[in-house]
Amino acid sequence: MKVAVTARGGDLQAEVDPRFGRAPYILIVDTETMEYETIDNSVNVNAFKGAGIQAATMVAEKGARVLLTGYCGPNAFRTIQAAGVKVVNDVTGTVREALETLKSGKVAYSTGPNAEGHW
């Protein structure tokens, strides 16, 4: 399964970035092989508005089924949910640790946004 994780760096040892739309990187990880693609999200880091929607669109286009992040605002949450991607908010630690937690089944999928827009 492909999983998107917001990150402060471009590899599995990077810390999870709490910001979805404005995270510097989003890793798309295959949980079976742990192979990953690093998406440079710098175009959205300083965006005036729409960063979450643009990031949500990228994640959906990459085929992710789950998003692991810290905070997801209302517009991004609606966009990602409409694409059929499940969201896990309040994720911390490294990307690898977040993925291990997901694989162990110890996550709660979010039913709504946990941040106001433009966090």
N, C-alpha and C. Protein backbone atom coordinates (compact mmCIF):
# COMPACT_ATOMS: atom_id res chain seq x y z
N MET A 1 0.85 -1.18 0.00
CA MET A 1 0.00 0.00 0.00
C MET A 1 0.89 1.24 0.00
N LYS A 2 0.50 2.24 -0.78
CA LYS A 2 1.23 3.49 -0.79
C LYS A 2 0.70 4.43 0.29
N VAL A 3 1.64 5.02 1.03
CA VAL A 3 1.31 5.92 2.13
C VAL A 3 2.08 7.22 1.93
N ALA A 4 1.42 8.34 2.11
CA ALA A 4 2.08 9.65 2.06
C ALA A 4 2.39 10.10 3.48
N VAL A 5 3.61 10.63 3.68
CA VAL A 5 4.01 11.11 5.00
C VAL A 5 4.65 12.49 4.82
N THR A 6 4.18 13.47 5.57
CA THR A 6 4.82 14.79 5.53
C THR A 6 6.13 14.72 6.29
N ALA A 7 7.16 15.35 5.76
CA ALA A 7 8.49 15.19 6.36
C ALA A 7 9.31 16.47 6.29
N ARG A 8 10.24 16.58 7.24
CA ARG A 8 11.17 17.72 7.27
C ARG A 8 12.40 17.44 6.42
N GLY A 9 12.60 16.21 6.01
CA GLY A 9 13.73 15.82 5.17
C GLY A 9 13.26 14.83 4.13
N GLY A 10 14.19 14.39 3.29
CA GLY A 10 13.82 13.58 2.14
C GLY A 10 13.99 12.08 2.29
N ASP A 11 14.13 11.57 3.54
CA ASP A 11 14.29 10.12 3.69
C ASP A 11 13.50 9.60 4.89
N LEU A 12 13.57 8.29 5.11
CA LEU A 12 12.78 7.64 6.16
C LEU A 12 13.20 8.03 7.57
N GLN A 13 14.41 8.56 7.73
CA GLN A 13 14.89 8.97 9.05
C GLN A 13 14.47 10.39 9.42
N ALA A 14 13.89 11.11 8.47
CA ALA A 14 13.46 12.49 8.70
C ALA A 14 12.31 12.53 9.70
N GLU A 15 12.22 13.63 10.41
CA GLU A 15 11.10 13.84 11.33
C GLU A 15 9.84 14.13 10.53
N VAL A 16 8.72 13.66 11.02
CA VAL A 16 7.43 13.99 10.41
C VAL A 16 7.21 15.49 10.59
N ASP A 17 6.84 16.17 9.52
CA ASP A 17 6.52 17.59 9.61
C ASP A 17 5.04 17.70 9.98
N PRO A 18 4.70 18.51 10.98
CA PRO A 18 3.31 18.59 11.39
C PRO A 18 2.39 19.27 10.38
N ARG A 19 2.95 20.02 9.44
CA ARG A 19 2.14 20.77 8.48
C ARG A 19 1.93 19.94 7.23
N PHE A 20 0.70 19.76 6.83
CA PHE A 20 0.46 18.98 5.61
C PHE A 20 0.81 19.79 4.37
N GLY A 21 0.09 20.82 4.08
CA GLY A 21 0.28 21.57 2.84
C GLY A 21 1.61 22.27 2.73
N ARG A 22 2.19 22.63 3.86
CA ARG A 22 3.43 23.42 3.84
C ARG A 22 4.65 22.64 4.32
N ALA A 23 4.55 21.33 4.40
CA ALA A 23 5.73 20.52 4.73
C ALA A 23 6.73 20.62 3.58
N PRO A 24 8.03 20.70 3.87
CA PRO A 24 9.00 20.82 2.78
C PRO A 24 9.06 19.59 1.88
N TYR A 25 8.74 18.42 2.44
CA TYR A 25 8.76 17.18 1.67
C TYR A 25 7.55 16.33 2.01
N ILE A 26 7.14 15.56 1.03
CA ILE A 26 6.13 14.52 1.25
C ILE A 26 6.72 13.24 0.66
N LEU A 27 6.83 12.22 1.50
CA LEU A 27 7.35 10.94 1.04
C LEU A 27 6.18 10.03 0.70
N ILE A 28 6.25 9.38 -0.44
CA ILE A 28 5.28 8.37 -0.85
C ILE A 28 5.98 7.03 -0.67
N VAL A 29 5.50 6.24 0.29
CA VAL A 29 6.20 5.02 0.67
C VAL A 29 5.33 3.80 0.40
N ASP A 30 5.92 2.78 -0.20
CA ASP A 30 5.27 1.48 -0.37
C ASP A 30 5.53 0.72 0.93
N THR A 31 4.48 0.45 1.69
CA THR A 31 4.66 -0.17 3.01
C THR A 31 5.13 -1.62 2.93
N GLU A 32 4.99 -2.26 1.79
CA GLU A 32 5.46 -3.65 1.67
C GLU A 32 6.95 -3.72 1.41
N THR A 33 7.48 -2.81 0.60
CA THR A 33 8.90 -2.85 0.24
C THR A 33 9.72 -1.78 0.95
N MET A 34 9.05 -0.76 1.50
CA MET A 34 9.66 0.42 2.11
C MET A 34 10.43 1.26 1.09
N GLU A 35 10.21 1.02 -0.19
CA GLU A 35 10.76 1.91 -1.21
C GLU A 35 9.93 3.19 -1.18
N TYR A 36 10.60 4.31 -1.47
CA TYR A 36 9.88 5.57 -1.39
C TYR A 36 10.31 6.55 -2.48
N GLU A 37 9.39 7.48 -2.71
CA GLU A 37 9.64 8.60 -3.62
C GLU A 37 9.53 9.86 -2.78
N THR A 38 10.48 10.76 -2.94
CA THR A 38 10.46 12.02 -2.21
C THR A 38 9.92 13.13 -3.11
N ILE A 39 8.87 13.76 -2.66
CA ILE A 39 8.29 14.89 -3.39
C ILE A 39 8.78 16.17 -2.73
N ASP A 40 9.42 17.02 -3.51
CA ASP A 40 9.84 18.34 -3.04
C ASP A 40 8.59 19.23 -3.07
N ASN A 41 8.13 19.62 -1.91
CA ASN A 41 6.90 20.41 -1.79
C ASN A 41 7.20 21.90 -1.62
N SER A 42 8.41 22.33 -1.99
CA SER A 42 8.81 23.73 -1.75
C SER A 42 7.90 24.73 -2.46
N VAL A 43 7.29 24.32 -3.55
CA VAL A 43 6.38 25.23 -4.26
C VAL A 43 5.21 25.63 -3.36
N ASN A 44 4.82 24.78 -2.43
CA ASN A 44 3.69 25.08 -1.54
C ASN A 44 4.11 25.67 -0.20
N VAL A 45 5.37 25.57 0.17
CA VAL A 45 5.81 26.04 1.48
C VAL A 45 5.47 27.51 1.70
N ASN A 46 5.69 28.33 0.69
CA ASN A 46 5.44 29.77 0.81
C ASN A 46 4.23 30.24 0.03
N ALA A 47 3.37 29.33 -0.35
CA ALA A 47 2.18 29.69 -1.11
C ALA A 47 1.27 30.59 -0.28
N PHE A 48 0.69 31.58 -0.92
CA PHE A 48 -0.22 32.49 -0.22
C PHE A 48 -1.46 31.75 0.26
N LYS A 49 -2.02 30.92 -0.62
CA LYS A 49 -3.17 30.10 -0.24
C LYS A 49 -3.22 28.89 -1.15
N GLY A 50 -4.00 27.90 -0.75
CA GLY A 50 -4.18 26.71 -1.57
C GLY A 50 -3.11 25.65 -1.42
N ALA A 51 -2.19 25.82 -0.46
CA ALA A 51 -1.10 24.85 -0.31
C ALA A 51 -1.63 23.45 0.02
N GLY A 52 -2.60 23.37 0.91
CA GLY A 52 -3.14 22.07 1.31
C GLY A 52 -3.87 21.38 0.17
N ILE A 53 -4.61 22.14 -0.59
CA ILE A 53 -5.34 21.57 -1.73
C ILE A 53 -4.36 21.04 -2.77
N GLN A 54 -3.31 21.82 -3.06
CA GLN A 54 -2.31 21.39 -4.03
C GLN A 54 -1.58 20.14 -3.55
N ALA A 55 -1.21 20.11 -2.27
CA ALA A 55 -0.53 18.94 -1.72
C ALA A 55 -1.45 17.72 -1.74
N ALA A 56 -2.72 17.92 -1.43
CA ALA A 56 -3.69 16.82 -1.45
C ALA A 56 -3.82 16.25 -2.86
N THR A 57 -3.83 17.12 -3.85
CA THR A 57 -3.92 16.68 -5.24
C THR A 57 -2.70 15.84 -5.62
N MET A 58 -1.51 16.30 -5.23
CA MET A 58 -0.28 15.56 -5.52
C MET A 58 -0.30 14.17 -4.88
N VAL A 59 -0.71 14.12 -3.61
CA VAL A 59 -0.76 12.85 -2.88
C VAL A 59 -1.71 11.87 -3.58
N ALA A 60 -2.88 12.37 -3.95
CA ALA A 60 -3.86 11.51 -4.62
C ALA A 60 -3.33 11.02 -5.97
N GLU A 61 -2.68 11.91 -6.73
CA GLU A 61 -2.16 11.53 -8.03
C GLU A 61 -1.05 10.48 -7.93
N LYS A 62 -0.36 10.44 -6.81
CA LYS A 62 0.71 9.45 -6.61
C LYS A 62 0.16 8.10 -6.15
N GLY A 63 -1.16 8.02 -5.91
CA GLY A 63 -1.78 6.75 -5.57
C GLY A 63 -1.74 6.38 -4.10
N ALA A 64 -1.47 7.35 -3.23
CA ALA A 64 -1.45 7.06 -1.79
C ALA A 64 -2.85 6.71 -1.31
N ARG A 65 -2.93 5.77 -0.40
CA ARG A 65 -4.22 5.37 0.20
C ARG A 65 -4.39 5.95 1.59
N VAL A 66 -3.27 6.36 2.21
CA VAL A 66 -3.28 6.92 3.57
C VAL A 66 -2.32 8.10 3.60
N LEU A 67 -2.67 9.12 4.37
CA LEU A 67 -1.80 10.26 4.65
C LEU A 67 -1.49 10.29 6.13
N LEU A 68 -0.20 10.34 6.47
CA LEU A 68 0.24 10.49 7.85
C LEU A 68 0.81 11.90 7.99
N THR A 69 0.25 12.70 8.89
CA THR A 69 0.67 14.08 9.06
C THR A 69 0.35 14.55 10.48
N GLY A 70 0.75 15.77 10.78
CA GLY A 70 0.43 16.34 12.09
C GLY A 70 -0.92 17.03 12.06
N TYR A 71 -1.04 17.99 11.16
CA TYR A 71 -2.26 18.79 11.08
C TYR A 71 -2.74 18.88 9.65
N CYS A 72 -4.04 18.76 9.49
CA CYS A 72 -4.66 18.85 8.17
C CYS A 72 -5.85 19.79 8.27
N GLY A 73 -5.79 20.89 7.53
CA GLY A 73 -6.87 21.88 7.56
C GLY A 73 -8.10 21.44 6.80
N PRO A 74 -9.17 22.22 6.90
CA PRO A 74 -10.46 21.81 6.33
C PRO A 74 -10.48 21.64 4.81
N ASN A 75 -9.88 22.55 4.07
CA ASN A 75 -9.91 22.44 2.61
C ASN A 75 -9.08 21.24 2.14
N ALA A 76 -7.90 21.09 2.72
CA ALA A 76 -7.05 19.95 2.36
C ALA A 76 -7.73 18.64 2.75
N PHE A 77 -8.36 18.62 3.93
CA PHE A 77 -9.02 17.38 4.38
C PHE A 77 -10.14 16.99 3.42
N ARG A 78 -10.95 17.95 3.02
CA ARG A 78 -12.05 17.65 2.09
C ARG A 78 -11.51 17.13 0.76
N THR A 79 -10.44 17.75 0.28
CA THR A 79 -9.86 17.35 -1.00
C THR A 79 -9.29 15.94 -0.93
N ILE A 80 -8.55 15.67 0.12
CA ILE A 80 -7.90 14.35 0.24
C ILE A 80 -8.93 13.26 0.49
N GLN A 81 -9.94 13.58 1.27
CA GLN A 81 -11.00 12.60 1.55
C GLN A 81 -11.81 12.31 0.28
N ALA A 82 -12.06 13.33 -0.53
CA ALA A 82 -12.79 13.14 -1.78
C ALA A 82 -12.03 12.22 -2.73
N ALA A 83 -10.71 12.20 -2.61
CA ALA A 83 -9.88 11.33 -3.45
C ALA A 83 -9.79 9.91 -2.89
N GLY A 84 -10.46 9.65 -1.77
CA GLY A 84 -10.46 8.31 -1.19
C GLY A 84 -9.24 8.00 -0.33
N VAL A 85 -8.51 9.03 0.09
CA VAL A 85 -7.33 8.83 0.92
C VAL A 85 -7.73 9.01 2.39
N LYS A 86 -7.34 8.04 3.23
CA LYS A 86 -7.60 8.14 4.66
C LYS A 86 -6.52 9.00 5.31
N VAL A 87 -6.89 9.73 6.35
CA VAL A 87 -5.96 10.65 7.02
C VAL A 87 -5.75 10.22 8.46
N VAL A 88 -4.47 10.23 8.88
CA VAL A 88 -4.12 10.04 10.28
C VAL A 88 -3.42 11.33 10.71
N ASN A 89 -4.03 12.07 11.63
CA ASN A 89 -3.47 13.31 12.14
C ASN A 89 -2.68 13.07 13.42
N ASP A 90 -2.02 14.12 13.89
CA ASP A 90 -1.27 14.09 15.16
C ASP A 90 -0.12 13.10 15.14
N VAL A 91 0.48 12.87 13.98
CA VAL A 91 1.59 11.93 13.84
C VAL A 91 2.89 12.63 14.20
N THR A 92 3.75 11.94 14.98
CA THR A 92 5.04 12.49 15.37
C THR A 92 6.11 11.43 15.18
N GLY A 93 7.36 11.80 15.45
CA GLY A 93 8.48 10.87 15.31
C GLY A 93 9.07 10.93 13.92
N THR A 94 9.81 9.90 13.57
CA THR A 94 10.39 9.85 12.23
C THR A 94 9.39 9.23 11.26
N VAL A 95 9.67 9.39 9.99
CA VAL A 95 8.81 8.80 8.97
C VAL A 95 8.75 7.29 9.17
N ARG A 96 9.90 6.66 9.40
CA ARG A 96 9.94 5.21 9.61
C ARG A 96 9.10 4.80 10.82
N GLU A 97 9.21 5.54 11.93
CA GLU A 97 8.42 5.22 13.12
C GLU A 97 6.93 5.36 12.85
N ALA A 98 6.55 6.40 12.12
CA ALA A 98 5.14 6.61 11.78
C ALA A 98 4.61 5.46 10.95
N LEU A 99 5.42 4.99 10.01
CA LEU A 99 5.00 3.87 9.16
C LEU A 99 4.88 2.58 9.97
N GLU A 100 5.79 2.36 10.89
CA GLU A 100 5.72 1.17 11.74
C GLU A 100 4.46 1.19 12.61
N THR A 101 4.12 2.37 13.12
CA THR A 101 2.90 2.51 13.91
C THR A 101 1.67 2.19 13.06
N LEU A 102 1.66 2.70 11.84
CA LEU A 102 0.55 2.41 10.92
C LEU A 102 0.46 0.91 10.65
N LYS A 103 1.60 0.30 10.35
CA LYS A 103 1.60 -1.13 10.02
C LYS A 103 1.17 -1.99 11.20
N SER A 104 1.39 -1.50 12.43
CA SER A 104 1.00 -2.27 13.62
C SER A 104 -0.49 -2.12 13.91
N GLY A 105 -1.16 -1.21 13.20
CA GLY A 105 -2.59 -1.01 13.41
C GLY A 105 -2.93 -0.10 14.57
N LYS A 106 -1.93 0.59 15.10
CA LYS A 106 -2.15 1.44 16.28
C LYS A 106 -2.38 2.89 15.90
N VAL A 107 -3.23 3.12 14.91
CA VAL A 107 -3.58 4.48 14.49
C VAL A 107 -5.09 4.64 14.47
N ALA A 108 -5.52 5.87 14.61
CA ALA A 108 -6.94 6.20 14.49
C ALA A 108 -7.10 7.10 13.26
N TYR A 109 -7.93 6.69 12.34
CA TYR A 109 -8.17 7.50 11.15
C TYR A 109 -9.05 8.69 11.53
N SER A 110 -8.73 9.83 10.98
CA SER A 110 -9.43 11.07 11.30
C SER A 110 -10.76 11.14 10.57
N THR A 111 -11.72 11.77 11.22
CA THR A 111 -13.03 11.96 10.61
C THR A 111 -13.24 13.40 10.19
N GLY A 112 -12.24 14.24 10.46
CA GLY A 112 -12.34 15.65 10.08
C GLY A 112 -11.00 16.34 10.26
N PRO A 113 -10.92 17.60 9.85
CA PRO A 113 -9.67 18.34 9.99
C PRO A 113 -9.36 18.59 11.46
N ASN A 114 -8.08 18.78 11.77
CA ASN A 114 -7.70 19.07 13.15
C ASN A 114 -6.96 20.40 13.25
N ALA A 115 -7.12 21.24 12.23
CA ALA A 115 -6.49 22.57 12.24
C ALA A 115 -7.33 23.51 11.40
N GLU A 116 -7.22 24.79 11.71
CA GLU A 116 -7.83 25.81 10.87
C GLU A 116 -6.97 25.94 9.61
N GLY A 117 -7.49 26.52 8.59
CA GLY A 117 -6.70 26.75 7.39
C GLY A 117 -5.52 27.68 7.68
N HIS A 118 -4.47 27.58 6.87
CA HIS A 118 -3.27 28.42 6.96
C HIS A 118 -2.58 28.28 8.30
N TRP A 119 -2.38 27.06 8.76
CA TRP A 119 -1.70 26.82 10.05
C TRP A 119 -0.28 27.18 9.98
